[in-house]
Structure formats: structure tokens, C-alpha cells
């Protein structure tokens, strides 16, 4: 009897998680189309097909849903690159993948409202929580870049010189390109030129 109850509880928890994931995936579609400011709870309800009451069991507002989407996005962002780091894939392969992912994201940012939604949140929510969130996002970007560099050092490709500073520089350049992308004034040439400059900063071993 106890095992049956535990099984039923597990099934209920799974269904609850599946419904929450459906809401977040649907919300991501809405944010990608409309950004954050123009997105409404009605849009998300229509996209996921769950009643208003059903959604409010999980989230109380569009902002709350957006933060959950952002958290999920942060965890999944560059998962492939992190896996490559764990597996000690050749440094240049990892770095190329990292740049390729960013290049793709920047070039599609005009049609994909998620990047716009992120900046809309930062600029319309001048709170300590939003500031902390932004800092956490930037720190995670820098940490991932630094981890890639460490692979280069371990594999004898890079010298262990000023890598934390260079990682921070990468972070600022990527952030700047993201803002430029929102204006629609970014091109493949601009991205490629900046990537070339970033590569030149690396202390390669001769």
C-alpha cells in the first residue's frame, strides 16, 4: 500500500513537472515572438492551452514566468560547450563551438525576441533582484569562458597569463555585441571582426 502511494505521488510529481515545463516552453515561444513588455498572461495561456487557473497554480505573473524561463535558459545555455570541457575535447574545437553558438545567437537576435526580452527586463526592473540577476548572468558567462581557457592551458595550447582578465574582456565584448544586435545594426562582418580580435588576445604557446 505504501509503495502504491509512493508510486502515485511520483506520478503526480512528474505530471506537475511536465505541466510546468509546458508552461515555460510555451512562454519561451511567446517571449521570442513579442519580447517581455508586450507579452501577456493571455498570450501564454493561449500558447500552452492551460486554463488561467491552471497556470496560476504555478506562476503568479508574467514576470515570474519570465524569471523561470531565464533560469532554465541559463542552465541549458552552452550545455554542449560545458560537456566538451568535461570531456577534454581539443581546446580549439571548444573555442570554435563557443564562438559559433554566439555568432548564431547574435545573427538571429533580431527575429528572436528572447534577447530583447532579457534587456527589457533589466531596463524596466530597477531592483536589487534584477541587478543581482544580471550580475549572475555576466559572471556565468565569464566563468564559462575561463573554463574554456583552462582547458587550453591543461592541453599546453595557452600560457596561463591574464586569463581571468581576458575572460572578462570576452564577456564585455559579447555583451556589447548583444546590445548592438538589438538595434539591428549588427552584421556578420562585425561579429567576425570582433571574434578575430578576441582570438588575438589569447596567449598562445609558440
N, C-alpha and C. Protein backbone atom coordinates (compact mmCIF):
# COMPACT_ATOMS: atom_id res chain seq x y z
N UNK A 1 0.84 -1.21 0.00
CA UNK A 1 0.00 0.00 0.00
C UNK A 1 0.87 1.25 0.00
N UNK A 2 1.91 1.22 0.84
CA UNK A 2 2.82 2.36 0.93
C UNK A 2 3.53 2.58 -0.40
N UNK A 3 3.95 1.44 -1.05
CA UNK A 3 4.63 1.53 -2.33
C UNK A 3 3.72 2.13 -3.40
N UNK A 4 2.44 1.75 -3.35
CA UNK A 4 1.47 2.26 -4.32
C UNK A 4 1.30 3.76 -4.14
N UNK A 5 1.20 4.20 -2.91
CA UNK A 5 1.05 5.63 -2.62
C UNK A 5 2.28 6.40 -3.09
N UNK A 6 3.46 5.81 -2.86
CA UNK A 6 4.71 6.46 -3.28
C UNK A 6 4.76 6.57 -4.80
N UNK A 7 4.32 5.49 -5.48
CA UNK A 7 4.30 5.47 -6.94
C UNK A 7 3.35 6.53 -7.48
N UNK A 8 2.15 6.62 -6.83
CA UNK A 8 1.17 7.62 -7.25
C UNK A 8 1.69 9.03 -7.03
N UNK A 9 2.43 9.23 -5.93
CA UNK A 9 3.00 10.53 -5.63
C UNK A 9 4.04 10.90 -6.67
N UNK A 10 4.87 9.92 -7.04
CA UNK A 10 5.90 10.15 -8.04
C UNK A 10 5.27 10.51 -9.38
N UNK A 11 4.20 9.79 -9.74
CA UNK A 11 3.49 10.06 -10.99
C UNK A 11 2.89 11.46 -10.97
N UNK A 12 2.32 11.84 -9.83
CA UNK A 12 1.73 13.17 -9.69
C UNK A 12 2.79 14.26 -9.81
N UNK A 13 3.95 14.01 -9.20
CA UNK A 13 5.06 14.97 -9.27
C UNK A 13 5.57 15.12 -10.70
N UNK A 14 5.63 13.99 -11.41
CA UNK A 14 6.09 14.02 -12.80
C UNK A 14 5.13 14.83 -13.66
N UNK A 15 3.83 14.61 -13.45
CA UNK A 15 2.81 15.34 -14.22
C UNK A 15 2.88 16.84 -13.92
N UNK A 16 3.11 17.15 -12.65
CA UNK A 16 3.23 18.54 -12.25
C UNK A 16 4.44 19.20 -12.92
N UNK A 17 5.56 18.47 -12.95
CA UNK A 17 6.78 18.99 -13.59
C UNK A 17 6.58 19.14 -15.10
N UNK A 18 5.89 18.17 -15.70
CA UNK A 18 5.63 18.23 -17.13
C UNK A 18 4.77 19.44 -17.48
N UNK A 19 3.76 19.72 -16.64
CA UNK A 19 2.90 20.87 -16.89
C UNK A 19 3.67 22.18 -16.73
N UNK A 20 4.54 22.21 -15.71
CA UNK A 20 5.37 23.41 -15.50
C UNK A 20 6.30 23.62 -16.70
N UNK A 21 6.90 22.54 -17.18
CA UNK A 21 7.80 22.64 -18.34
C UNK A 21 7.04 23.11 -19.58
N UNK A 22 5.80 22.63 -19.74
CA UNK A 22 4.97 23.05 -20.87
C UNK A 22 4.71 24.55 -20.81
N UNK A 23 4.41 25.05 -19.63
CA UNK A 23 4.17 26.49 -19.46
C UNK A 23 5.42 27.28 -19.85
N UNK A 24 6.58 26.82 -19.38
CA UNK A 24 7.83 27.53 -19.66
C UNK A 24 8.20 27.48 -21.15
N UNK A 25 8.01 26.33 -21.76
CA UNK A 25 8.31 26.21 -23.19
C UNK A 25 7.37 27.09 -24.01
N UNK A 26 6.11 27.13 -23.62
CA UNK A 26 5.13 27.97 -24.32
C UNK A 26 5.45 29.44 -24.10
N UNK A 27 5.82 29.79 -22.89
CA UNK A 27 6.18 31.17 -22.57
C UNK A 27 7.40 31.60 -23.38
N UNK A 28 8.34 30.68 -23.55
CA UNK A 28 9.55 30.99 -24.32
C UNK A 28 9.18 31.36 -25.76
N UNK A 29 8.21 30.63 -26.31
CA UNK A 29 7.72 30.93 -27.67
C UNK A 29 7.14 32.33 -27.72
N UNK A 30 6.34 32.67 -26.70
CA UNK A 30 5.71 33.99 -26.64
C UNK A 30 6.76 35.09 -26.50
N UNK A 31 7.71 34.91 -25.58
CA UNK A 31 8.75 35.91 -25.37
C UNK A 31 9.63 36.07 -26.62
N UNK A 32 9.86 34.96 -27.32
CA UNK A 32 10.68 35.02 -28.53
C UNK A 32 9.98 35.81 -29.63
N UNK A 33 8.65 35.76 -29.64
CA UNK A 33 7.88 36.49 -30.65
C UNK A 33 7.65 37.95 -30.26
N UNK A 34 7.38 38.20 -28.97
CA UNK A 34 6.89 39.52 -28.55
C UNK A 34 7.79 40.28 -27.59
N UNK A 35 8.88 39.63 -27.14
CA UNK A 35 9.68 40.27 -26.09
C UNK A 35 8.95 40.13 -24.76
N UNK A 36 9.36 40.92 -23.77
CA UNK A 36 8.73 40.83 -22.45
C UNK A 36 7.62 41.85 -22.27
N UNK A 37 7.86 43.09 -22.65
CA UNK A 37 6.91 44.18 -22.40
C UNK A 37 5.55 43.91 -23.05
N UNK A 38 5.57 43.37 -24.26
CA UNK A 38 4.31 43.15 -24.99
C UNK A 38 3.66 41.80 -24.70
N UNK A 39 4.33 40.95 -23.94
CA UNK A 39 3.78 39.63 -23.63
C UNK A 39 2.77 39.72 -22.49
N UNK A 40 1.68 38.97 -22.60
CA UNK A 40 0.66 38.97 -21.55
C UNK A 40 0.41 37.54 -21.08
N UNK A 41 -0.23 37.43 -19.93
CA UNK A 41 -0.59 36.11 -19.43
C UNK A 41 -1.55 35.43 -20.40
N UNK A 42 -2.40 36.20 -21.05
CA UNK A 42 -3.35 35.66 -22.02
C UNK A 42 -2.60 35.01 -23.19
N UNK A 43 -1.53 35.65 -23.63
CA UNK A 43 -0.72 35.08 -24.72
C UNK A 43 -0.17 33.72 -24.33
N UNK A 44 0.34 33.62 -23.10
CA UNK A 44 0.95 32.37 -22.63
C UNK A 44 -0.11 31.30 -22.45
N UNK A 45 -1.28 31.68 -21.93
CA UNK A 45 -2.39 30.74 -21.76
C UNK A 45 -2.81 30.16 -23.11
N UNK A 46 -2.93 31.02 -24.11
CA UNK A 46 -3.34 30.57 -25.44
C UNK A 46 -2.29 29.68 -26.08
N UNK A 47 -1.03 29.97 -25.82
CA UNK A 47 0.06 29.19 -26.41
C UNK A 47 0.14 27.79 -25.81
N UNK A 48 -0.05 27.68 -24.49
CA UNK A 48 0.12 26.36 -23.85
C UNK A 48 -1.19 25.59 -23.70
N UNK A 49 -2.33 26.28 -23.84
CA UNK A 49 -3.61 25.58 -23.76
C UNK A 49 -4.02 25.18 -22.36
N UNK A 50 -3.40 25.80 -21.36
CA UNK A 50 -3.76 25.55 -19.95
C UNK A 50 -4.62 26.70 -19.45
N UNK A 51 -5.61 26.40 -18.65
CA UNK A 51 -6.52 27.44 -18.17
C UNK A 51 -5.78 28.47 -17.31
N UNK A 52 -6.38 29.64 -17.17
CA UNK A 52 -5.79 30.69 -16.34
C UNK A 52 -5.59 30.18 -14.91
N UNK A 53 -6.60 29.50 -14.38
CA UNK A 53 -6.48 28.95 -13.03
C UNK A 53 -5.36 27.92 -12.93
N UNK A 54 -5.21 27.12 -13.99
CA UNK A 54 -4.16 26.11 -14.02
C UNK A 54 -2.77 26.72 -14.00
N UNK A 55 -2.59 27.81 -14.75
CA UNK A 55 -1.28 28.48 -14.77
C UNK A 55 -0.98 29.13 -13.44
N UNK A 56 -2.02 29.73 -12.82
CA UNK A 56 -1.80 30.44 -11.55
C UNK A 56 -1.47 29.49 -10.39
N UNK A 57 -1.64 28.20 -10.61
CA UNK A 57 -1.18 27.23 -9.61
C UNK A 57 0.34 27.16 -9.57
N UNK A 58 0.96 27.58 -10.69
CA UNK A 58 2.42 27.50 -10.82
C UNK A 58 3.08 28.88 -10.77
N UNK A 59 2.46 29.85 -11.41
CA UNK A 59 3.07 31.18 -11.50
C UNK A 59 2.01 32.27 -11.29
N UNK A 60 2.44 33.35 -10.64
CA UNK A 60 1.50 34.43 -10.31
C UNK A 60 1.51 35.58 -11.31
N UNK A 61 2.54 35.64 -12.15
CA UNK A 61 2.64 36.78 -13.07
C UNK A 61 3.53 36.44 -14.26
N UNK A 62 3.46 37.29 -15.28
CA UNK A 62 4.32 37.13 -16.46
C UNK A 62 5.79 37.25 -16.05
N UNK A 63 6.07 38.19 -15.15
CA UNK A 63 7.45 38.38 -14.69
C UNK A 63 7.99 37.12 -14.02
N UNK A 64 7.16 36.49 -13.22
CA UNK A 64 7.58 35.27 -12.52
C UNK A 64 7.87 34.15 -13.52
N UNK A 65 7.04 34.05 -14.54
CA UNK A 65 7.26 33.06 -15.59
C UNK A 65 8.55 33.38 -16.34
N UNK A 66 8.75 34.66 -16.63
CA UNK A 66 9.94 35.06 -17.37
C UNK A 66 11.22 34.71 -16.61
N UNK A 67 11.22 34.95 -15.31
CA UNK A 67 12.39 34.63 -14.49
C UNK A 67 12.67 33.13 -14.50
N UNK A 68 11.60 32.33 -14.48
CA UNK A 68 11.77 30.87 -14.52
C UNK A 68 12.33 30.44 -15.88
N UNK A 69 11.85 31.08 -16.96
CA UNK A 69 12.37 30.79 -18.30
C UNK A 69 13.85 31.16 -18.38
N UNK A 70 14.18 32.32 -17.80
CA UNK A 70 15.56 32.79 -17.82
C UNK A 70 16.48 31.87 -17.04
N UNK A 71 15.99 31.38 -15.91
CA UNK A 71 16.77 30.46 -15.09
C UNK A 71 17.02 29.16 -15.85
N UNK A 72 15.98 28.66 -16.49
CA UNK A 72 16.10 27.43 -17.27
C UNK A 72 17.04 27.63 -18.45
N UNK A 73 16.91 28.78 -19.09
CA UNK A 73 17.76 29.13 -20.24
C UNK A 73 19.22 29.21 -19.84
N UNK A 74 19.48 29.78 -18.67
CA UNK A 74 20.85 29.92 -18.18
C UNK A 74 21.48 28.57 -17.92
N UNK A 75 20.67 27.64 -17.39
CA UNK A 75 21.19 26.31 -17.09
C UNK A 75 21.53 25.53 -18.36
N UNK A 76 20.70 25.75 -19.40
CA UNK A 76 20.88 24.99 -20.63
C UNK A 76 21.86 25.66 -21.60
N UNK A 77 22.08 26.96 -21.42
CA UNK A 77 22.91 27.72 -22.33
C UNK A 77 24.32 27.14 -22.39
N UNK A 78 24.78 26.86 -23.58
CA UNK A 78 26.12 26.33 -23.80
C UNK A 78 26.36 25.00 -23.09
N UNK A 79 25.29 24.21 -22.96
CA UNK A 79 25.43 22.87 -22.38
C UNK A 79 26.43 22.03 -23.18
N UNK A 80 26.37 22.17 -24.51
CA UNK A 80 27.26 21.40 -25.37
C UNK A 80 28.72 21.77 -25.10
N UNK A 81 28.95 23.07 -24.92
CA UNK A 81 30.32 23.54 -24.66
C UNK A 81 30.80 23.01 -23.31
N UNK A 82 29.94 23.08 -22.29
CA UNK A 82 30.33 22.59 -20.97
C UNK A 82 30.63 21.09 -20.99
N UNK A 83 29.85 20.36 -21.78
CA UNK A 83 30.08 18.92 -21.90
C UNK A 83 31.43 18.65 -22.57
N UNK A 84 31.75 19.47 -23.57
CA UNK A 84 33.03 19.34 -24.26
C UNK A 84 34.20 19.63 -23.30
N UNK A 85 33.99 20.62 -22.42
CA UNK A 85 35.01 20.94 -21.41
C UNK A 85 35.24 19.74 -20.50
N UNK A 86 34.14 19.13 -20.04
CA UNK A 86 34.23 17.98 -19.16
C UNK A 86 34.97 16.82 -19.83
N UNK A 87 34.75 16.67 -21.12
CA UNK A 87 35.34 15.55 -21.86
C UNK A 87 36.73 15.87 -22.39
N UNK A 88 37.23 17.08 -22.08
CA UNK A 88 38.57 17.49 -22.50
C UNK A 88 38.75 17.40 -24.03
N UNK A 89 37.73 17.86 -24.75
CA UNK A 89 37.81 17.96 -26.20
C UNK A 89 38.91 18.98 -26.53
N UNK A 90 39.62 18.85 -27.67
CA UNK A 90 40.66 19.82 -28.01
C UNK A 90 40.20 21.27 -27.87
N UNK A 91 41.07 22.09 -27.31
CA UNK A 91 40.75 23.48 -26.97
C UNK A 91 40.16 24.24 -28.16
N UNK A 92 40.80 24.16 -29.32
CA UNK A 92 40.32 24.93 -30.48
C UNK A 92 38.91 24.51 -30.90
N UNK A 93 38.60 23.24 -30.75
CA UNK A 93 37.26 22.75 -31.09
C UNK A 93 36.22 23.37 -30.15
N UNK A 94 36.55 23.42 -28.86
CA UNK A 94 35.63 24.02 -27.88
C UNK A 94 35.46 25.51 -28.14
N UNK A 95 36.59 26.20 -28.36
CA UNK A 95 36.53 27.65 -28.60
C UNK A 95 35.73 27.96 -29.87
N UNK A 96 35.94 27.19 -30.92
CA UNK A 96 35.19 27.38 -32.17
C UNK A 96 33.70 27.18 -31.95
N UNK A 97 33.35 26.17 -31.16
CA UNK A 97 31.94 25.90 -30.85
C UNK A 97 31.34 27.07 -30.08
N UNK A 98 32.09 27.58 -29.11
CA UNK A 98 31.61 28.70 -28.29
C UNK A 98 31.34 29.92 -29.17
N UNK A 99 32.29 30.25 -30.02
CA UNK A 99 32.11 31.40 -30.90
C UNK A 99 30.96 31.17 -31.89
N UNK A 100 30.87 29.95 -32.40
CA UNK A 100 29.82 29.62 -33.36
C UNK A 100 28.43 29.78 -32.74
N UNK A 101 28.28 29.33 -31.49
CA UNK A 101 26.99 29.45 -30.80
C UNK A 101 26.62 30.92 -30.61
N UNK A 102 27.59 31.73 -30.20
CA UNK A 102 27.31 33.16 -30.01
C UNK A 102 27.01 33.83 -31.35
N UNK A 103 27.74 33.48 -32.36
CA UNK A 103 27.54 34.07 -33.69
C UNK A 103 26.10 33.82 -34.17
N UNK A 104 25.68 32.58 -34.02
CA UNK A 104 24.32 32.18 -34.42
C UNK A 104 23.28 32.95 -33.61
N UNK A 105 23.50 33.04 -32.29
CA UNK A 105 22.56 33.74 -31.42
C UNK A 105 22.44 35.21 -31.79
N UNK A 106 23.57 35.85 -32.07
CA UNK A 106 23.58 37.27 -32.41
C UNK A 106 22.89 37.55 -33.74
N UNK A 107 23.14 36.69 -34.72
CA UNK A 107 22.57 36.90 -36.05
C UNK A 107 21.06 36.66 -36.06
N UNK A 108 20.57 35.84 -35.12
CA UNK A 108 19.14 35.55 -35.07
C UNK A 108 18.42 36.40 -34.02
N UNK A 109 19.15 37.28 -33.36
CA UNK A 109 18.56 38.03 -32.25
C UNK A 109 17.47 39.00 -32.68
N UNK A 110 17.54 39.48 -33.93
CA UNK A 110 16.53 40.42 -34.40
C UNK A 110 15.18 39.73 -34.52
N UNK A 111 15.19 38.50 -35.04
CA UNK A 111 13.93 37.76 -35.19
C UNK A 111 13.54 37.03 -33.91
N UNK A 112 14.51 36.82 -33.01
CA UNK A 112 14.24 36.12 -31.76
C UNK A 112 14.13 37.15 -30.63
N UNK A 113 12.93 37.30 -30.08
CA UNK A 113 12.70 38.33 -29.06
C UNK A 113 13.24 38.01 -27.68
N UNK A 114 13.83 36.81 -27.48
CA UNK A 114 14.30 36.46 -26.14
C UNK A 114 15.41 37.39 -25.66
N UNK A 115 16.34 37.72 -26.55
CA UNK A 115 17.41 38.64 -26.17
C UNK A 115 16.83 40.00 -25.82
N UNK A 116 15.88 40.46 -26.64
CA UNK A 116 15.22 41.74 -26.36
C UNK A 116 14.49 41.67 -25.03
N UNK A 117 13.84 40.55 -24.77
CA UNK A 117 13.10 40.38 -23.52
C UNK A 117 14.01 40.49 -22.31
N UNK A 118 15.21 39.91 -22.42
CA UNK A 118 16.16 39.96 -21.31
C UNK A 118 16.53 41.40 -20.98
N UNK A 119 16.85 42.18 -22.01
CA UNK A 119 17.24 43.57 -21.77
C UNK A 119 16.05 44.42 -21.34
N UNK A 120 14.87 44.10 -21.85
CA UNK A 120 13.67 44.81 -21.39
C UNK A 120 13.47 44.60 -19.89
N UNK A 121 13.74 43.38 -19.45
CA UNK A 121 13.60 43.09 -18.02
C UNK A 121 14.60 43.91 -17.22
N UNK A 122 15.85 43.92 -17.65
CA UNK A 122 16.88 44.66 -16.92
C UNK A 122 16.57 46.16 -16.85
N UNK A 123 16.08 46.71 -17.96
CA UNK A 123 15.87 48.16 -18.01
C UNK A 123 14.55 48.62 -17.41
N UNK A 124 13.61 47.71 -17.27
CA UNK A 124 12.32 48.11 -16.70
C UNK A 124 12.16 47.68 -15.25
N UNK A 125 13.10 46.89 -14.74
CA UNK A 125 13.02 46.42 -13.36
C UNK A 125 14.29 46.86 -12.62
N UNK A 126 14.28 48.08 -12.18
CA UNK A 126 15.45 48.63 -11.49
C UNK A 126 15.41 48.24 -10.01
N UNK A 127 15.60 46.97 -9.77
CA UNK A 127 15.55 46.47 -8.40
C UNK A 127 16.87 45.77 -8.07
N UNK A 128 17.05 45.51 -6.81
CA UNK A 128 18.24 44.79 -6.38
C UNK A 128 18.24 43.38 -6.95
N UNK A 129 17.05 42.79 -7.03
CA UNK A 129 16.94 41.42 -7.55
C UNK A 129 17.32 41.36 -9.02
N UNK A 130 16.86 42.33 -9.83
CA UNK A 130 17.20 42.32 -11.26
C UNK A 130 18.68 42.59 -11.47
N UNK A 131 19.24 43.48 -10.63
CA UNK A 131 20.68 43.77 -10.71
C UNK A 131 21.49 42.53 -10.37
N UNK A 132 21.06 41.80 -9.35
CA UNK A 132 21.75 40.57 -8.95
C UNK A 132 21.66 39.52 -10.05
N UNK A 133 20.49 39.46 -10.69
CA UNK A 133 20.29 38.51 -11.77
C UNK A 133 21.23 38.80 -12.93
N UNK A 134 21.33 40.08 -13.28
CA UNK A 134 22.20 40.48 -14.39
C UNK A 134 23.66 40.15 -14.07
N UNK A 135 24.06 40.46 -12.84
CA UNK A 135 25.44 40.17 -12.43
C UNK A 135 25.72 38.66 -12.46
N UNK A 136 24.72 37.89 -12.05
CA UNK A 136 24.88 36.42 -12.06
C UNK A 136 25.04 35.91 -13.49
N UNK A 137 24.28 36.49 -14.42
CA UNK A 137 24.37 36.10 -15.83
C UNK A 137 25.75 36.42 -16.39
N UNK A 138 26.23 37.62 -16.08
CA UNK A 138 27.55 38.03 -16.57
C UNK A 138 28.66 37.17 -15.97
N UNK A 139 28.53 36.88 -14.68
CA UNK A 139 29.53 36.06 -14.00
C UNK A 139 29.58 34.65 -14.59
N UNK A 140 28.41 34.13 -14.93
CA UNK A 140 28.34 32.79 -15.52
C UNK A 140 29.00 32.76 -16.90
N UNK A 141 28.78 33.84 -17.67
CA UNK A 141 29.42 33.95 -18.98
C UNK A 141 30.94 33.96 -18.83
N UNK A 142 31.41 34.79 -17.90
CA UNK A 142 32.85 34.89 -17.66
C UNK A 142 33.42 33.55 -17.18
N UNK A 143 32.69 32.88 -16.29
CA UNK A 143 33.16 31.61 -15.74
C UNK A 143 33.30 30.56 -16.84
N UNK A 144 32.31 30.50 -17.73
CA UNK A 144 32.35 29.52 -18.82
C UNK A 144 33.55 29.77 -19.73
N UNK A 145 33.78 31.04 -20.06
CA UNK A 145 34.92 31.40 -20.91
C UNK A 145 36.23 31.01 -20.24
N UNK A 146 36.32 31.31 -18.94
CA UNK A 146 37.55 31.00 -18.20
C UNK A 146 37.78 29.49 -18.16
N UNK A 147 36.71 28.71 -18.03
CA UNK A 147 36.84 27.26 -18.02
C UNK A 147 37.38 26.74 -19.36
N UNK A 148 36.95 27.37 -20.44
CA UNK A 148 37.47 27.00 -21.77
C UNK A 148 38.97 27.28 -21.83
N UNK A 149 39.36 28.45 -21.33
CA UNK A 149 40.78 28.82 -21.33
C UNK A 149 41.62 27.82 -20.52
N UNK A 150 41.06 27.37 -19.40
CA UNK A 150 41.79 26.42 -18.55
C UNK A 150 42.07 25.12 -19.30
N UNK A 151 41.13 24.72 -20.16
CA UNK A 151 41.36 23.52 -20.98
C UNK A 151 42.56 23.77 -21.90
N UNK A 152 42.62 24.99 -22.44
CA UNK A 152 43.75 25.34 -23.31
C UNK A 152 45.08 25.27 -22.58
N UNK A 153 45.07 25.70 -21.32
CA UNK A 153 46.29 25.64 -20.51
C UNK A 153 46.66 24.19 -20.23
N UNK A 154 45.68 23.39 -19.83
CA UNK A 154 45.92 21.98 -19.50
C UNK A 154 46.44 21.20 -20.71
N UNK A 155 45.99 21.60 -21.89
CA UNK A 155 46.40 20.89 -23.11
C UNK A 155 47.68 21.47 -23.71
N UNK A 156 48.25 22.46 -23.03
CA UNK A 156 49.51 23.04 -23.50
C UNK A 156 49.38 23.97 -24.68
N UNK A 157 48.16 24.45 -24.93
CA UNK A 157 47.92 25.35 -26.06
C UNK A 157 48.10 26.81 -25.64
N UNK A 158 47.64 27.14 -24.43
CA UNK A 158 47.72 28.51 -23.92
C UNK A 158 48.68 28.62 -22.76
N UNK A 159 49.25 29.81 -22.61
CA UNK A 159 50.01 30.14 -21.41
C UNK A 159 49.01 30.60 -20.35
N UNK A 160 49.33 30.35 -19.10
CA UNK A 160 48.45 30.77 -18.01
C UNK A 160 48.77 32.21 -17.62
N UNK A 161 48.43 33.13 -18.52
CA UNK A 161 48.75 34.55 -18.33
C UNK A 161 47.51 35.41 -18.55
N UNK A 162 47.10 36.14 -17.51
CA UNK A 162 46.00 37.12 -17.59
C UNK A 162 44.69 36.53 -18.13
N UNK A 163 44.47 35.25 -17.91
CA UNK A 163 43.29 34.60 -18.50
C UNK A 163 41.98 35.10 -17.89
N UNK A 164 41.98 35.41 -16.59
CA UNK A 164 40.76 35.93 -15.95
C UNK A 164 40.39 37.29 -16.54
N UNK A 165 41.41 38.12 -16.79
CA UNK A 165 41.17 39.44 -17.38
C UNK A 165 40.68 39.31 -18.82
N UNK A 166 41.28 38.40 -19.57
CA UNK A 166 40.86 38.17 -20.96
C UNK A 166 39.44 37.62 -21.01
N UNK A 167 39.11 36.73 -20.07
CA UNK A 167 37.74 36.19 -20.00
C UNK A 167 36.74 37.31 -19.74
N UNK A 168 37.12 38.25 -18.87
CA UNK A 168 36.24 39.39 -18.59
C UNK A 168 36.08 40.27 -19.82
N UNK A 169 37.18 40.45 -20.57
CA UNK A 169 37.11 41.22 -21.81
C UNK A 169 36.16 40.56 -22.81
N UNK A 170 36.26 39.23 -22.94
CA UNK A 170 35.36 38.48 -23.82
C UNK A 170 33.91 38.75 -23.41
N UNK A 171 33.67 38.69 -22.10
CA UNK A 171 32.32 38.89 -21.58
C UNK A 171 31.76 40.25 -21.99
N UNK A 172 32.59 41.30 -21.85
CA UNK A 172 32.14 42.64 -22.20
C UNK A 172 31.90 42.80 -23.70
N UNK A 173 32.76 42.21 -24.50
CA UNK A 173 32.58 42.28 -25.96
C UNK A 173 31.30 41.57 -26.38
N UNK A 174 31.07 40.38 -25.82
CA UNK A 174 29.87 39.61 -26.15
C UNK A 174 28.62 40.37 -25.71
N UNK A 175 28.68 40.96 -24.52
CA UNK A 175 27.54 41.75 -24.03
C UNK A 175 27.28 42.95 -24.94
N UNK A 176 28.36 43.61 -25.34
CA UNK A 176 28.22 44.76 -26.24
C UNK A 176 27.64 44.39 -27.59
N UNK A 177 28.07 43.25 -28.11
CA UNK A 177 27.53 42.77 -29.39
C UNK A 177 26.05 42.45 -29.26
N UNK A 178 25.67 41.93 -28.09
CA UNK A 178 24.25 41.62 -27.85
C UNK A 178 23.40 42.87 -27.90
N UNK A 179 23.88 43.94 -27.27
CA UNK A 179 23.14 45.21 -27.28
C UNK A 179 23.08 45.78 -28.69
N UNK A 180 24.20 45.69 -29.42
CA UNK A 180 24.23 46.18 -30.81
C UNK A 180 23.25 45.39 -31.68
N UNK A 181 23.16 44.09 -31.41
CA UNK A 181 22.25 43.25 -32.19
C UNK A 181 20.80 43.69 -32.05
N UNK A 182 20.45 44.21 -30.87
CA UNK A 182 19.07 44.65 -30.63
C UNK A 182 18.69 45.84 -31.49
N UNK A 183 19.68 46.64 -31.88
CA UNK A 183 19.39 47.81 -32.72
C UNK A 183 19.24 47.44 -34.18
N UNK A 184 19.63 46.21 -34.51
CA UNK A 184 19.56 45.78 -35.90
C UNK A 184 20.76 46.23 -36.72
N UNK A 185 21.76 46.77 -36.03
CA UNK A 185 22.94 47.29 -36.75
C UNK A 185 24.14 46.35 -36.68
N UNK A 186 23.88 45.09 -36.50
CA UNK A 186 24.98 44.13 -36.46
C UNK A 186 25.02 43.35 -37.76
N UNK A 187 26.22 43.01 -38.19
CA UNK A 187 26.40 42.23 -39.42
C UNK A 187 27.34 41.06 -39.14
N UNK A 188 27.37 40.13 -40.07
CA UNK A 188 28.30 39.00 -39.93
C UNK A 188 29.73 39.50 -39.87
N UNK A 189 30.04 40.55 -40.66
CA UNK A 189 31.40 41.08 -40.69
C UNK A 189 31.81 41.66 -39.34
N UNK A 190 30.90 42.39 -38.71
CA UNK A 190 31.19 42.97 -37.39
C UNK A 190 31.48 41.85 -36.39
N UNK A 191 30.64 40.84 -36.39
CA UNK A 191 30.82 39.72 -35.46
C UNK A 191 32.15 39.02 -35.72
N UNK A 192 32.41 38.72 -36.99
CA UNK A 192 33.65 38.01 -37.33
C UNK A 192 34.88 38.83 -36.98
N UNK A 193 34.81 40.14 -37.19
CA UNK A 193 35.95 41.01 -36.85
C UNK A 193 36.21 40.99 -35.35
N UNK A 194 35.15 41.04 -34.55
CA UNK A 194 35.32 41.04 -33.10
C UNK A 194 35.82 39.69 -32.60
N UNK A 195 35.37 38.62 -33.20
CA UNK A 195 35.85 37.29 -32.84
C UNK A 195 37.35 37.18 -33.15
N UNK A 196 37.75 37.74 -34.30
CA UNK A 196 39.17 37.71 -34.68
C UNK A 196 40.02 38.48 -33.66
N UNK A 197 39.51 39.62 -33.20
CA UNK A 197 40.23 40.42 -32.20
C UNK A 197 40.32 39.65 -30.88
N UNK A 198 39.22 39.01 -30.49
CA UNK A 198 39.23 38.23 -29.25
C UNK A 198 40.24 37.10 -29.32
N UNK A 199 40.36 36.46 -30.48
CA UNK A 199 41.33 35.38 -30.63
C UNK A 199 42.76 35.91 -30.45
N UNK A 200 42.98 37.12 -30.95
CA UNK A 200 44.33 37.71 -30.88
C UNK A 200 44.76 38.00 -29.44
N UNK A 201 43.80 38.11 -28.53
CA UNK A 201 44.11 38.40 -27.14
C UNK A 201 44.69 37.18 -26.41
N UNK A 202 44.48 36.00 -26.96
CA UNK A 202 44.87 34.78 -26.27
C UNK A 202 46.39 34.57 -26.29
N UNK A 203 46.96 34.20 -25.13
CA UNK A 203 48.41 33.98 -25.04
C UNK A 203 48.79 32.56 -25.50
N UNK A 204 48.80 32.37 -26.80
CA UNK A 204 49.14 31.04 -27.33
C UNK A 204 50.61 30.72 -27.09
N UNK A 205 50.88 29.44 -26.84
CA UNK A 205 52.27 28.97 -26.77
C UNK A 205 52.82 28.83 -28.18
N UNK A 206 54.07 29.14 -28.34
CA UNK A 206 54.67 29.06 -29.67
C UNK A 206 55.15 27.64 -29.96
